Amino acid sequence: MNSIEQTLSIIKPDAVERNLDNEIKEIFKKNGFKILKEKKIKIEKSEAEQFYKVHETKPFYNDLCSYLSSGPIVVMVLEKDNSVLANRELMGATNPKDAAEGTIRKKYGISIDKNSVHGSDSVENAKIEIDFFFKE
């Protein structure tokens, strides 16, 4: 059964720095995603810490927060049938070395940290993440 879902996608600083945002948006569109909302922003480290709170006990937490707040990012709300899973498949594995051919991270990712994109990992988290960046 198909269900239209929304998911949050972030084009991370490494990709924005390399002017890949439009290319990455095109990949989403070609794969049937609608971009409902988007904005280019720069967040503070404290905001990144709130955003990644689920990871705060992990060893990479501090680096992750520093990195996300290190430069402009593009945050988007994507919509499609089963968009959370579809976006995760399109992004590829967290480590670009392990990502499948044709995925965004395989194509653009530099390292496990600088992997170009973030996507929500569940429908519940998608709602929380979308609200975080797009509070009405």
C-alpha atoms as a PDB file:
ATOM      1  CA  MET A   1       0.000   0.000   0.000  1.00  0.00           C
ATOM      2  CA  ASN A   2       1.335   3.408  -0.903  1.00  0.00           C
ATOM      3  CA  SER A   3       1.114   6.333   1.407  1.00  0.00           C
ATOM      4  CA  ILE A   4       2.140   9.885   0.663  1.00  0.00           C
ATOM      5  CA  GLU A   5       4.668  10.941   3.260  1.00  0.00           C
ATOM      6  CA  GLN A   6       6.859  13.910   3.917  1.00  0.00           C
ATOM      7  CA  THR A   7      10.481  13.715   4.919  1.00  0.00           C
ATOM      8  CA  LEU A   8      13.152  16.240   5.768  1.00  0.00           C
ATOM      9  CA  SER A   9      16.222  16.489   3.598  1.00  0.00           C
ATOM     10  CA  ILE A  10      19.272  18.600   4.356  1.00  0.00           C
ATOM     11  CA  ILE A  11      21.928  19.397   1.792  1.00  0.00           C
ATOM     12  CA  LYS A  12      24.931  19.643   4.102  1.00  0.00           C
ATOM     13  CA  PRO A  13      27.710  22.273   4.138  1.00  0.00           C
ATOM     14  CA  ASP A  14      30.176  20.217   2.049  1.00  0.00           C
ATOM     15  CA  ALA A  15      27.684  19.983  -0.832  1.00  0.00           C
ATOM     16  CA  VAL A  16      26.494  23.604  -0.585  1.00  0.00           C
ATOM     17  CA  GLU A  17      30.126  24.736  -0.555  1.00  0.00           C
ATOM     18  CA  ARG A  18      30.679  22.864  -3.826  1.00  0.00           C
ATOM     19  CA  ASN A  19      27.503  24.387  -5.338  1.00  0.00           C
ATOM     20  CA  LEU A  20      25.809  21.009  -5.629  1.00  0.00           C
ATOM     21  CA  ASP A  21      22.455  22.077  -4.175  1.00  0.00           C
ATOM     22  CA  ASN A  22      20.666  22.456  -7.535  1.00  0.00           C
ATOM     23  CA  GLU A  23      22.128  19.221  -8.876  1.00  0.00           C
ATOM     24  CA  ILE A  24      20.982  17.346  -5.764  1.00  0.00           C
ATOM     25  CA  LYS A  25      17.493  18.927  -5.959  1.00  0.00           C
ATOM     26  CA  GLU A  26      17.263  17.732  -9.581  1.00  0.00           C
ATOM     27  CA  ILE A  27      18.069  14.178  -8.465  1.00  0.00           C
ATOM     28  CA  PHE A  28      15.182  14.328  -5.983  1.00  0.00           C
ATOM     29  CA  LYS A  29      12.803  15.643  -8.661  1.00  0.00           C
ATOM     30  CA  LYS A  30      13.896  13.013 -11.207  1.00  0.00           C
ATOM     31  CA  ASN A  31      13.142  10.386  -8.581  1.00  0.00           C
ATOM     32  CA  GLY A  32       9.578  11.572  -8.126  1.00  0.00           C
ATOM     33  CA  PHE A  33       9.954  13.734  -5.030  1.00  0.00           C
ATOM     34  CA  LYS A  34       8.088  17.032  -4.767  1.00  0.00           C
ATOM     35  CA  ILE A  35      10.013  19.749  -2.946  1.00  0.00           C
ATOM     36  CA  LEU A  36       7.245  21.363  -0.886  1.00  0.00           C
ATOM     37  CA  LYS A  37       9.399  23.846   1.025  1.00  0.00           C
ATOM     38  CA  GLU A  38      13.036  24.795   0.948  1.00  0.00           C
ATOM     39  CA  LYS A  39      15.341  27.398   2.398  1.00  0.00           C
ATOM     40  CA  LYS A  40      19.039  28.045   2.635  1.00  0.00           C
ATOM     41  CA  ILE A  41      20.100  28.842   6.176  1.00  0.00           C
ATOM     42  CA  LYS A  42      23.069  28.847   8.502  1.00  0.00           C
ATOM     43  CA  ILE A  43      22.437  27.390  11.930  1.00  0.00           C
ATOM     44  CA  GLU A  44      24.265  27.900  15.211  1.00  0.00           C
ATOM     45  CA  LYS A  45      26.028  25.002  16.882  1.00  0.00           C
ATOM     46  CA  SER A  46      23.434  25.107  19.685  1.00  0.00           C
ATOM     47  CA  GLU A  47      20.677  24.570  17.083  1.00  0.00           C
ATOM     48  CA  ALA A  48      22.590  21.668  15.548  1.00  0.00           C
ATOM     49  CA  GLU A  49      22.902  20.176  19.047  1.00  0.00           C
ATOM     50  CA  GLN A  50      19.134  20.375  19.466  1.00  0.00           C
ATOM     51  CA  PHE A  51      18.546  18.935  16.007  1.00  0.00           C
ATOM     52  CA  TYR A  52      20.883  15.968  16.556  1.00  0.00           C
ATOM     53  CA  LYS A  53      19.830  15.446  20.199  1.00  0.00           C
ATOM     54  CA  VAL A  54      18.990  11.785  19.432  1.00  0.00           C
ATOM     55  CA  HIS A  55      22.718  11.209  18.857  1.00  0.00           C
ATOM     56  CA  GLU A  56      24.020  13.076  21.918  1.00  0.00           C
ATOM     57  CA  THR A  57      25.434   9.966  23.607  1.00  0.00           C
ATOM     58  CA  LYS A  58      27.370   8.914  20.504  1.00  0.00           C
ATOM     59  CA  PRO A  59      31.086   9.657  20.072  1.00  0.00           C
ATOM     60  CA  PHE A  60      30.580  11.555  16.809  1.00  0.00           C
ATOM     61  CA  TYR A  61      27.917  13.922  18.250  1.00  0.00           C
ATOM     62  CA  ASN A  62      30.148  16.952  18.822  1.00  0.00           C
ATOM     63  CA  ASP A  63      31.812  16.724  15.393  1.00  0.00           C
ATOM     64  CA  LEU A  64      28.435  16.250  13.732  1.00  0.00           C
ATOM     65  CA  CYS A  65      27.046  19.394  15.387  1.00  0.00           C
ATOM     66  CA  SER A  66      30.154  21.446  14.592  1.00  0.00           C
ATOM     67  CA  TYR A  67      30.019  20.289  11.012  1.00  0.00           C
ATOM     68  CA  LEU A  68      26.313  20.975  10.400  1.00  0.00           C
ATOM     69  CA  SER A  69      26.779  24.504  11.739  1.00  0.00           C
ATOM     70  CA  SER A  70      30.018  25.119   9.803  1.00  0.00           C
ATOM     71  CA  GLY A  71      28.408  26.653   6.708  1.00  0.00           C
ATOM     72  CA  PRO A  72      25.129  27.229   4.887  1.00  0.00           C
ATOM     73  CA  ILE A  73      22.762  24.286   4.487  1.00  0.00           C
ATOM     74  CA  VAL A  74      19.633  23.804   2.389  1.00  0.00           C
ATOM     75  CA  VAL A  75      16.696  22.307   4.280  1.00  0.00           C
ATOM     76  CA  MET A  76      13.793  20.873   2.304  1.00  0.00           C
ATOM     77  CA  VAL A  77      10.513  19.111   2.862  1.00  0.00           C
ATOM     78  CA  LEU A  78      10.185  16.320   0.315  1.00  0.00           C
ATOM     79  CA  GLU A  79       6.943  14.517  -0.476  1.00  0.00           C
ATOM     80  CA  LYS A  80       6.341  11.215  -2.237  1.00  0.00           C
ATOM     81  CA  ASP A  81       4.883   7.754  -1.616  1.00  0.00           C
ATOM     82  CA  ASN A  82       6.889   6.193   1.204  1.00  0.00           C
ATOM     83  CA  SER A  83       9.249   9.169   1.043  1.00  0.00           C
ATOM     84  CA  VAL A  84      11.237   8.352   4.204  1.00  0.00           C
ATOM     85  CA  LEU A  85      12.409   5.000   2.861  1.00  0.00           C
ATOM     86  CA  ALA A  86      12.676   6.230  -0.731  1.00  0.00           C
ATOM     87  CA  ASN A  87      14.890   9.133   0.360  1.00  0.00           C
ATOM     88  CA  ARG A  88      17.125   6.863   2.456  1.00  0.00           C
ATOM     89  CA  GLU A  89      17.579   4.548  -0.529  1.00  0.00           C
ATOM     90  CA  LEU A  90      18.365   7.481  -2.810  1.00  0.00           C
ATOM     91  CA  MET A  91      20.878   8.966  -0.332  1.00  0.00           C
ATOM     92  CA  GLY A  92      22.737   5.678   0.116  1.00  0.00           C
ATOM     93  CA  ALA A  93      24.737   4.403   3.076  1.00  0.00           C
ATOM     94  CA  THR A  94      26.040   6.922   5.652  1.00  0.00           C
ATOM     95  CA  ASN A  95      29.603   6.132   4.592  1.00  0.00           C
ATOM     96  CA  PRO A  96      29.977   7.079   0.903  1.00  0.00           C
ATOM     97  CA  LYS A  97      32.466   4.202   0.470  1.00  0.00           C
ATOM     98  CA  ASP A  98      29.667   1.750   1.309  1.00  0.00           C
ATOM     99  CA  ALA A  99      26.949   3.557  -0.651  1.00  0.00           C
ATOM    100  CA  ALA A 100      25.488   1.905  -3.735  1.00  0.00           C
ATOM    101  CA  GLU A 101      26.282   3.210  -7.227  1.00  0.00           C
ATOM    102  CA  GLY A 102      23.890   5.936  -8.316  1.00  0.00           C
ATOM    103  CA  THR A 103      23.144   7.155  -4.781  1.00  0.00           C
ATOM    104  CA  ILE A 104      23.713  10.775  -3.767  1.00  0.00           C
ATOM    105  CA  ARG A 105      26.355   9.903  -1.171  1.00  0.00           C
ATOM    106  CA  LYS A 106      28.258   7.651  -3.588  1.00  0.00           C
ATOM    107  CA  LYS A 107      28.304  10.455  -6.134  1.00  0.00           C
ATOM    108  CA  TYR A 108      29.011  13.469  -3.893  1.00  0.00           C
ATOM    109  CA  GLY A 109      29.948  12.296  -0.393  1.00  0.00           C
ATOM    110  CA  ILE A 110      33.506  13.012   0.729  1.00  0.00           C
ATOM    111  CA  SER A 111      33.599  11.061   3.994  1.00  0.00           C
ATOM    112  CA  ILE A 112      31.355   9.517   6.623  1.00  0.00           C
ATOM    113  CA  ASP A 113      30.923  13.019   8.155  1.00  0.00           C
ATOM    114  CA  LYS A 114      30.883  15.044   4.947  1.00  0.00           C
ATOM    115  CA  ASN A 115      28.346  12.826   3.236  1.00  0.00           C
ATOM    116  CA  SER A 116      26.474  15.689   1.520  1.00  0.00           C
ATOM    117  CA  VAL A 117      22.911  14.942   2.648  1.00  0.00           C
ATOM    118  CA  HIS A 118      20.769  14.142   5.675  1.00  0.00           C
ATOM    119  CA  GLY A 119      17.369  12.479   5.563  1.00  0.00           C
ATOM    120  CA  SER A 120      14.878  11.566   8.274  1.00  0.00           C
ATOM    121  CA  ASP A 121      15.091   7.941   9.425  1.00  0.00           C
ATOM    122  CA  SER A 122      11.411   7.421  10.290  1.00  0.00           C
ATOM    123  CA  VAL A 123       8.012   8.981   9.699  1.00  0.00           C
ATOM    124  CA  GLU A 124       7.927  10.079  13.365  1.00  0.00           C
ATOM    125  CA  ASN A 125      11.350  11.734  13.162  1.00  0.00           C
ATOM    126  CA  ALA A 126      10.465  13.325   9.825  1.00  0.00           C
ATOM    127  CA  LYS A 127       7.619  15.174  11.522  1.00  0.00           C
ATOM    128  CA  ILE A 128       9.886  16.333  14.378  1.00  0.00           C
ATOM    129  CA  GLU A 129      12.656  17.394  11.978  1.00  0.00           C
ATOM    130  CA  ILE A 130      10.295  19.233   9.628  1.00  0.00           C
ATOM    131  CA  ASP A 131       8.796  21.114  12.594  1.00  0.00           C
ATOM    132  CA  PHE A 132      12.315  21.959  13.788  1.00  0.00           C
ATOM    133  CA  PHE A 133      13.138  23.869  10.584  1.00  0.00           C
ATOM    134  CA  PHE A 134       9.704  24.884   9.341  1.00  0.00           C
ATOM    135  CA  LYS A 135       7.701  25.924  12.386  1.00  0.00           C
ATOM    136  CA  GLU A 136       4.529  27.474  11.035  1.00  0.00           C
END
